[in-house]
Amino acid sequence: MNDLEFQQIKDQITLQIATLLNEKTLLQEKLQPIAPDCCLGDLTRFEMMHEQDIFQRSLLHVEVRLTNLQHLFHTIDANPDYGQCCECYDEIPFQRLLLIPETKYCIHCALGHKI
């Protein structure tokens, strides 16, 4: 990976962190407690609770990814092995790193892991 590609990945990490922070805020707003007598037309309290469960799971996913990206952002410059697959040691394609900067596996090895 050349210096320009490395900088593009760092810029992408910054962009993804900002996006995830916004998404986290929106999800937290949707997770307000539901009043026991709350009902919006045909939408029952049970359906609203189910929707909140989905938001909670989405929030957990966002928080995990955000933590991984923030850690990567602070350690990427000091990691000479960044961009190298942890399993086969091949170089991870640049396009994959742009999409998922925190990945540790090439696509071939990732298919053998639960990501």
N, C-alpha and C. Protein backbone atom coordinates (compact mmCIF):
# COMPACT_ATOMS: atom_id res chain seq x y z
N MET A 1 0.85 -1.17 0.00
CA MET A 1 0.00 0.00 0.00
C MET A 1 0.90 1.24 0.00
N ASN A 2 0.59 2.17 -0.90
CA ASN A 2 1.41 3.38 -0.96
C ASN A 2 0.88 4.44 0.00
N ASP A 3 1.61 5.55 0.11
CA ASP A 3 1.25 6.60 1.07
C ASP A 3 -0.10 7.25 0.76
N LEU A 4 -0.42 7.42 -0.51
CA LEU A 4 -1.70 8.02 -0.88
C LEU A 4 -2.86 7.11 -0.46
N GLU A 5 -2.74 5.82 -0.71
CA GLU A 5 -3.78 4.87 -0.31
C GLU A 5 -3.92 4.84 1.21
N PHE A 6 -2.79 4.87 1.90
CA PHE A 6 -2.80 4.87 3.37
C PHE A 6 -3.55 6.10 3.89
N GLN A 7 -3.30 7.25 3.30
CA GLN A 7 -3.98 8.47 3.72
C GLN A 7 -5.47 8.41 3.40
N GLN A 8 -5.82 7.82 2.27
CA GLN A 8 -7.24 7.66 1.92
C GLN A 8 -7.95 6.79 2.95
N ILE A 9 -7.28 5.76 3.40
CA ILE A 9 -7.87 4.88 4.41
C ILE A 9 -8.04 5.63 5.73
N LYS A 10 -7.04 6.42 6.11
CA LYS A 10 -7.16 7.21 7.35
C LYS A 10 -8.31 8.21 7.25
N ASP A 11 -8.47 8.82 6.08
CA ASP A 11 -9.58 9.75 5.87
C ASP A 11 -10.92 9.01 5.96
N GLN A 12 -10.96 7.82 5.40
CA GLN A 12 -12.18 7.01 5.45
C GLN A 12 -12.52 6.61 6.89
N ILE A 13 -11.52 6.31 7.68
CA ILE A 13 -11.74 5.98 9.10
C ILE A 13 -12.38 7.18 9.80
N THR A 14 -11.85 8.36 9.57
CA THR A 14 -12.38 9.58 10.18
C THR A 14 -13.83 9.80 9.76
N LEU A 15 -14.11 9.61 8.48
CA LEU A 15 -15.47 9.77 7.97
C LEU A 15 -16.42 8.75 8.59
N GLN A 16 -16.00 7.51 8.67
CA GLN A 16 -16.84 6.47 9.23
C GLN A 16 -17.09 6.70 10.72
N ILE A 17 -16.10 7.18 11.45
CA ILE A 17 -16.28 7.50 12.87
C ILE A 17 -17.35 8.58 13.02
N ALA A 18 -17.27 9.63 12.23
CA ALA A 18 -18.25 10.71 12.30
C ALA A 18 -19.65 10.20 11.97
N THR A 19 -19.76 9.38 10.96
CA THR A 19 -21.05 8.81 10.56
C THR A 19 -21.63 7.94 11.68
N LEU A 20 -20.79 7.11 12.28
CA LEU A 20 -21.26 6.24 13.36
C LEU A 20 -21.65 7.03 14.61
N LEU A 21 -20.94 8.10 14.89
CA LEU A 21 -21.32 8.94 16.04
C LEU A 21 -22.71 9.54 15.82
N ASN A 22 -22.98 9.99 14.60
CA ASN A 22 -24.32 10.52 14.29
C ASN A 22 -25.38 9.43 14.40
N GLU A 23 -25.07 8.27 13.87
CA GLU A 23 -26.02 7.15 13.93
C GLU A 23 -26.28 6.74 15.38
N LYS A 24 -25.24 6.75 16.19
CA LYS A 24 -25.38 6.40 17.61
C LYS A 24 -26.33 7.38 18.31
N THR A 25 -26.18 8.66 18.03
CA THR A 25 -27.05 9.67 18.62
C THR A 25 -28.50 9.45 18.22
N LEU A 26 -28.74 9.18 16.94
CA LEU A 26 -30.10 8.95 16.47
C LEU A 26 -30.72 7.71 17.11
N LEU A 27 -29.94 6.65 17.24
CA LEU A 27 -30.45 5.43 17.85
C LEU A 27 -30.76 5.64 19.34
N GLN A 28 -29.90 6.38 20.02
CA GLN A 28 -30.13 6.65 21.44
C GLN A 28 -31.42 7.45 21.65
N GLU A 29 -31.71 8.36 20.73
CA GLU A 29 -32.95 9.14 20.82
C GLU A 29 -34.18 8.24 20.65
N LYS A 30 -34.05 7.20 19.84
CA LYS A 30 -35.17 6.29 19.60
C LYS A 30 -35.37 5.29 20.74
N LEU A 31 -34.44 5.26 21.67
CA LEU A 31 -34.51 4.28 22.76
C LEU A 31 -35.07 4.89 24.06
N GLN A 32 -35.91 5.89 23.94
CA GLN A 32 -36.54 6.47 25.12
C GLN A 32 -37.57 5.47 25.67
N PRO A 33 -37.77 5.48 26.99
CA PRO A 33 -38.75 4.55 27.59
C PRO A 33 -40.14 4.73 26.99
N ILE A 34 -40.87 3.64 26.91
CA ILE A 34 -42.22 3.65 26.37
C ILE A 34 -43.21 3.69 27.54
N ALA A 35 -44.09 4.63 27.51
CA ALA A 35 -45.10 4.74 28.56
C ALA A 35 -46.03 3.53 28.51
N PRO A 36 -46.48 3.03 29.67
CA PRO A 36 -47.35 1.85 29.70
C PRO A 36 -48.65 2.02 28.91
N ASP A 37 -49.16 3.24 28.84
CA ASP A 37 -50.42 3.45 28.14
C ASP A 37 -50.23 4.02 26.74
N CYS A 38 -49.01 3.98 26.26
CA CYS A 38 -48.70 4.56 24.95
C CYS A 38 -49.24 3.68 23.83
N CYS A 39 -49.93 4.31 22.92
CA CYS A 39 -50.44 3.60 21.75
C CYS A 39 -50.63 4.61 20.63
N LEU A 40 -50.07 4.33 19.48
CA LEU A 40 -50.18 5.24 18.34
C LEU A 40 -51.00 4.58 17.24
N GLY A 41 -52.31 4.75 17.30
CA GLY A 41 -53.16 4.13 16.29
C GLY A 41 -53.07 2.63 16.36
N ASP A 42 -52.68 2.00 15.26
CA ASP A 42 -52.60 0.54 15.21
C ASP A 42 -51.28 0.01 15.79
N LEU A 43 -50.39 0.92 16.09
CA LEU A 43 -49.09 0.50 16.62
C LEU A 43 -49.22 0.25 18.13
N THR A 44 -49.15 -0.97 18.52
CA THR A 44 -49.31 -1.32 19.93
C THR A 44 -48.02 -1.14 20.70
N ARG A 45 -48.14 -1.13 21.99
CA ARG A 45 -46.97 -1.01 22.86
C ARG A 45 -46.00 -2.17 22.61
N PHE A 46 -46.55 -3.36 22.39
CA PHE A 46 -45.71 -4.52 22.11
C PHE A 46 -44.88 -4.32 20.85
N GLU A 47 -45.51 -3.80 19.82
CA GLU A 47 -44.78 -3.54 18.57
C GLU A 47 -43.70 -2.48 18.78
N MET A 48 -44.00 -1.48 19.59
CA MET A 48 -43.01 -0.44 19.88
C MET A 48 -41.83 -1.02 20.66
N MET A 49 -42.13 -1.94 21.59
CA MET A 49 -41.05 -2.58 22.35
C MET A 49 -40.19 -3.44 21.43
N HIS A 50 -40.82 -4.14 20.49
CA HIS A 50 -40.07 -4.94 19.53
C HIS A 50 -39.16 -4.03 18.68
N GLU A 51 -39.69 -2.90 18.26
CA GLU A 51 -38.90 -1.95 17.48
C GLU A 51 -37.71 -1.44 18.30
N GLN A 52 -37.94 -1.19 19.59
CA GLN A 52 -36.84 -0.74 20.44
C GLN A 52 -35.77 -1.82 20.59
N ASP A 53 -36.17 -3.07 20.62
CA ASP A 53 -35.20 -4.17 20.67
C ASP A 53 -34.30 -4.15 19.44
N ILE A 54 -34.89 -3.89 18.29
CA ILE A 54 -34.12 -3.77 17.05
C ILE A 54 -33.16 -2.59 17.13
N PHE A 55 -33.64 -1.45 17.63
CA PHE A 55 -32.78 -0.28 17.79
C PHE A 55 -31.64 -0.57 18.76
N GLN A 56 -31.93 -1.30 19.84
CA GLN A 56 -30.90 -1.64 20.83
C GLN A 56 -29.81 -2.50 20.20
N ARG A 57 -30.21 -3.46 19.40
CA ARG A 57 -29.22 -4.32 18.71
C ARG A 57 -28.41 -3.51 17.71
N SER A 58 -29.06 -2.61 17.01
CA SER A 58 -28.35 -1.74 16.06
C SER A 58 -27.36 -0.86 16.79
N LEU A 59 -27.77 -0.34 17.94
CA LEU A 59 -26.89 0.52 18.73
C LEU A 59 -25.66 -0.27 19.20
N LEU A 60 -25.86 -1.49 19.63
CA LEU A 60 -24.73 -2.32 20.06
C LEU A 60 -23.74 -2.53 18.91
N HIS A 61 -24.27 -2.83 17.73
CA HIS A 61 -23.42 -3.01 16.54
C HIS A 61 -22.63 -1.72 16.24
N VAL A 62 -23.31 -0.59 16.29
CA VAL A 62 -22.66 0.70 16.03
C VAL A 62 -21.57 0.97 17.06
N GLU A 63 -21.85 0.70 18.34
CA GLU A 63 -20.86 0.96 19.40
C GLU A 63 -19.62 0.08 19.25
N VAL A 64 -19.81 -1.18 18.88
CA VAL A 64 -18.67 -2.08 18.69
C VAL A 64 -17.82 -1.60 17.52
N ARG A 65 -18.47 -1.29 16.42
CA ARG A 65 -17.73 -0.83 15.24
C ARG A 65 -17.03 0.50 15.52
N LEU A 66 -17.71 1.40 16.22
CA LEU A 66 -17.13 2.69 16.57
C LEU A 66 -15.89 2.52 17.44
N THR A 67 -15.97 1.65 18.42
CA THR A 67 -14.82 1.37 19.28
C THR A 67 -13.65 0.82 18.47
N ASN A 68 -13.93 -0.12 17.58
CA ASN A 68 -12.87 -0.70 16.74
C ASN A 68 -12.23 0.35 15.84
N LEU A 69 -13.04 1.22 15.24
CA LEU A 69 -12.50 2.26 14.36
C LEU A 69 -11.70 3.30 15.15
N GLN A 70 -12.18 3.68 16.32
CA GLN A 70 -11.45 4.65 17.13
C GLN A 70 -10.11 4.09 17.58
N HIS A 71 -10.10 2.81 17.96
CA HIS A 71 -8.83 2.18 18.34
C HIS A 71 -7.88 2.14 17.14
N LEU A 72 -8.41 1.76 15.99
CA LEU A 72 -7.59 1.72 14.77
C LEU A 72 -7.04 3.10 14.44
N PHE A 73 -7.87 4.12 14.55
CA PHE A 73 -7.44 5.48 14.24
C PHE A 73 -6.22 5.89 15.08
N HIS A 74 -6.20 5.47 16.34
CA HIS A 74 -5.11 5.86 17.23
C HIS A 74 -3.87 4.96 17.11
N THR A 75 -4.01 3.80 16.47
CA THR A 75 -2.88 2.87 16.41
C THR A 75 -2.38 2.58 15.00
N ILE A 76 -3.07 3.06 13.99
CA ILE A 76 -2.75 2.69 12.62
C ILE A 76 -1.33 3.10 12.20
N ASP A 77 -0.89 4.27 12.63
CA ASP A 77 0.44 4.75 12.23
C ASP A 77 1.56 3.90 12.83
N ALA A 78 1.31 3.32 13.99
CA ALA A 78 2.35 2.54 14.67
C ALA A 78 2.28 1.05 14.34
N ASN A 79 1.37 0.66 13.45
CA ASN A 79 1.18 -0.75 13.13
C ASN A 79 1.73 -1.05 11.73
N PRO A 80 2.93 -1.60 11.65
CA PRO A 80 3.51 -1.89 10.33
C PRO A 80 2.80 -3.03 9.60
N ASP A 81 2.01 -3.82 10.33
CA ASP A 81 1.31 -4.95 9.72
C ASP A 81 -0.10 -4.60 9.27
N TYR A 82 -0.49 -3.32 9.39
CA TYR A 82 -1.84 -2.94 8.97
C TYR A 82 -2.01 -3.24 7.48
N GLY A 83 -3.13 -3.86 7.15
CA GLY A 83 -3.41 -4.19 5.75
C GLY A 83 -2.96 -5.58 5.38
N GLN A 84 -2.43 -6.29 6.35
CA GLN A 84 -1.98 -7.66 6.10
C GLN A 84 -2.94 -8.61 6.80
N CYS A 85 -3.38 -9.64 6.11
CA CYS A 85 -4.31 -10.62 6.67
C CYS A 85 -3.67 -11.35 7.85
N CYS A 86 -4.40 -11.46 8.94
CA CYS A 86 -3.89 -12.12 10.14
C CYS A 86 -3.79 -13.64 9.99
N GLU A 87 -4.44 -14.18 8.97
CA GLU A 87 -4.43 -15.63 8.80
C GLU A 87 -3.44 -16.08 7.73
N CYS A 88 -3.56 -15.54 6.53
CA CYS A 88 -2.71 -16.01 5.43
C CYS A 88 -1.51 -15.08 5.18
N TYR A 89 -1.52 -13.92 5.81
CA TYR A 89 -0.45 -12.92 5.70
C TYR A 89 -0.35 -12.27 4.33
N ASP A 90 -1.35 -12.47 3.47
CA ASP A 90 -1.40 -11.76 2.20
C ASP A 90 -1.87 -10.33 2.46
N GLU A 91 -1.60 -9.47 1.49
CA GLU A 91 -2.07 -8.09 1.61
C GLU A 91 -3.58 -8.05 1.36
N ILE A 92 -4.29 -7.34 2.23
CA ILE A 92 -5.74 -7.16 2.07
C ILE A 92 -5.93 -6.12 0.96
N PRO A 93 -6.80 -6.39 -0.01
CA PRO A 93 -7.00 -5.43 -1.10
C PRO A 93 -7.42 -4.05 -0.59
N PHE A 94 -6.91 -3.03 -1.26
CA PHE A 94 -7.16 -1.64 -0.88
C PHE A 94 -8.66 -1.33 -0.82
N GLN A 95 -9.43 -1.80 -1.79
CA GLN A 95 -10.88 -1.52 -1.81
C GLN A 95 -11.58 -2.10 -0.59
N ARG A 96 -11.15 -3.26 -0.15
CA ARG A 96 -11.73 -3.88 1.06
C ARG A 96 -11.40 -3.03 2.29
N LEU A 97 -10.18 -2.55 2.36
CA LEU A 97 -9.78 -1.70 3.49
C LEU A 97 -10.54 -0.38 3.50
N LEU A 98 -10.85 0.15 2.32
CA LEU A 98 -11.65 1.38 2.27
C LEU A 98 -13.05 1.15 2.81
N LEU A 99 -13.63 0.01 2.50
CA LEU A 99 -14.99 -0.30 2.97
C LEU A 99 -15.02 -0.68 4.45
N ILE A 100 -14.07 -1.50 4.86
CA ILE A 100 -14.03 -2.01 6.23
C ILE A 100 -12.59 -1.82 6.75
N PRO A 101 -12.22 -0.59 7.12
CA PRO A 101 -10.84 -0.33 7.52
C PRO A 101 -10.36 -1.17 8.70
N GLU A 102 -11.28 -1.59 9.55
CA GLU A 102 -10.89 -2.34 10.75
C GLU A 102 -10.74 -3.84 10.50
N THR A 103 -10.96 -4.28 9.25
CA THR A 103 -10.86 -5.71 8.97
C THR A 103 -9.44 -6.21 9.20
N LYS A 104 -9.36 -7.46 9.63
CA LYS A 104 -8.05 -8.07 9.87
C LYS A 104 -7.82 -9.25 8.93
N TYR A 105 -8.82 -9.50 8.06
CA TYR A 105 -8.75 -10.66 7.18
C TYR A 105 -9.02 -10.28 5.73
N CYS A 106 -8.34 -10.96 4.82
CA CYS A 106 -8.67 -10.83 3.41
C CYS A 106 -10.03 -11.52 3.20
N ILE A 107 -10.64 -11.31 2.06
CA ILE A 107 -11.98 -11.85 1.85
C ILE A 107 -11.98 -13.38 1.88
N HIS A 108 -10.94 -13.99 1.36
CA HIS A 108 -10.84 -15.45 1.35
C HIS A 108 -10.85 -16.00 2.78
N CYS A 109 -10.03 -15.46 3.64
CA CYS A 109 -9.95 -15.92 5.02
C CYS A 109 -11.18 -15.49 5.83
N ALA A 110 -11.76 -14.33 5.49
CA ALA A 110 -12.95 -13.85 6.21
C ALA A 110 -14.13 -14.79 6.01
N LEU A 111 -14.21 -15.43 4.84
CA LEU A 111 -15.30 -16.34 4.60
C LEU A 111 -15.24 -17.57 5.52
N GLY A 112 -14.07 -17.82 6.05
CA GLY A 112 -13.90 -18.93 6.99
C GLY A 112 -14.13 -18.50 8.43
N HIS A 113 -14.36 -17.22 8.67
CA HIS A 113 -14.58 -16.68 10.01
C HIS A 113 -15.95 -16.05 10.08
N LYS A 114 -16.50 -15.97 11.25
CA LYS A 114 -17.72 -15.20 11.46
C LYS A 114 -17.30 -13.80 11.83
N ILE A 115 -17.61 -12.86 10.96
CA ILE A 115 -17.18 -11.47 11.16
C ILE A 115 -18.24 -10.71 11.91
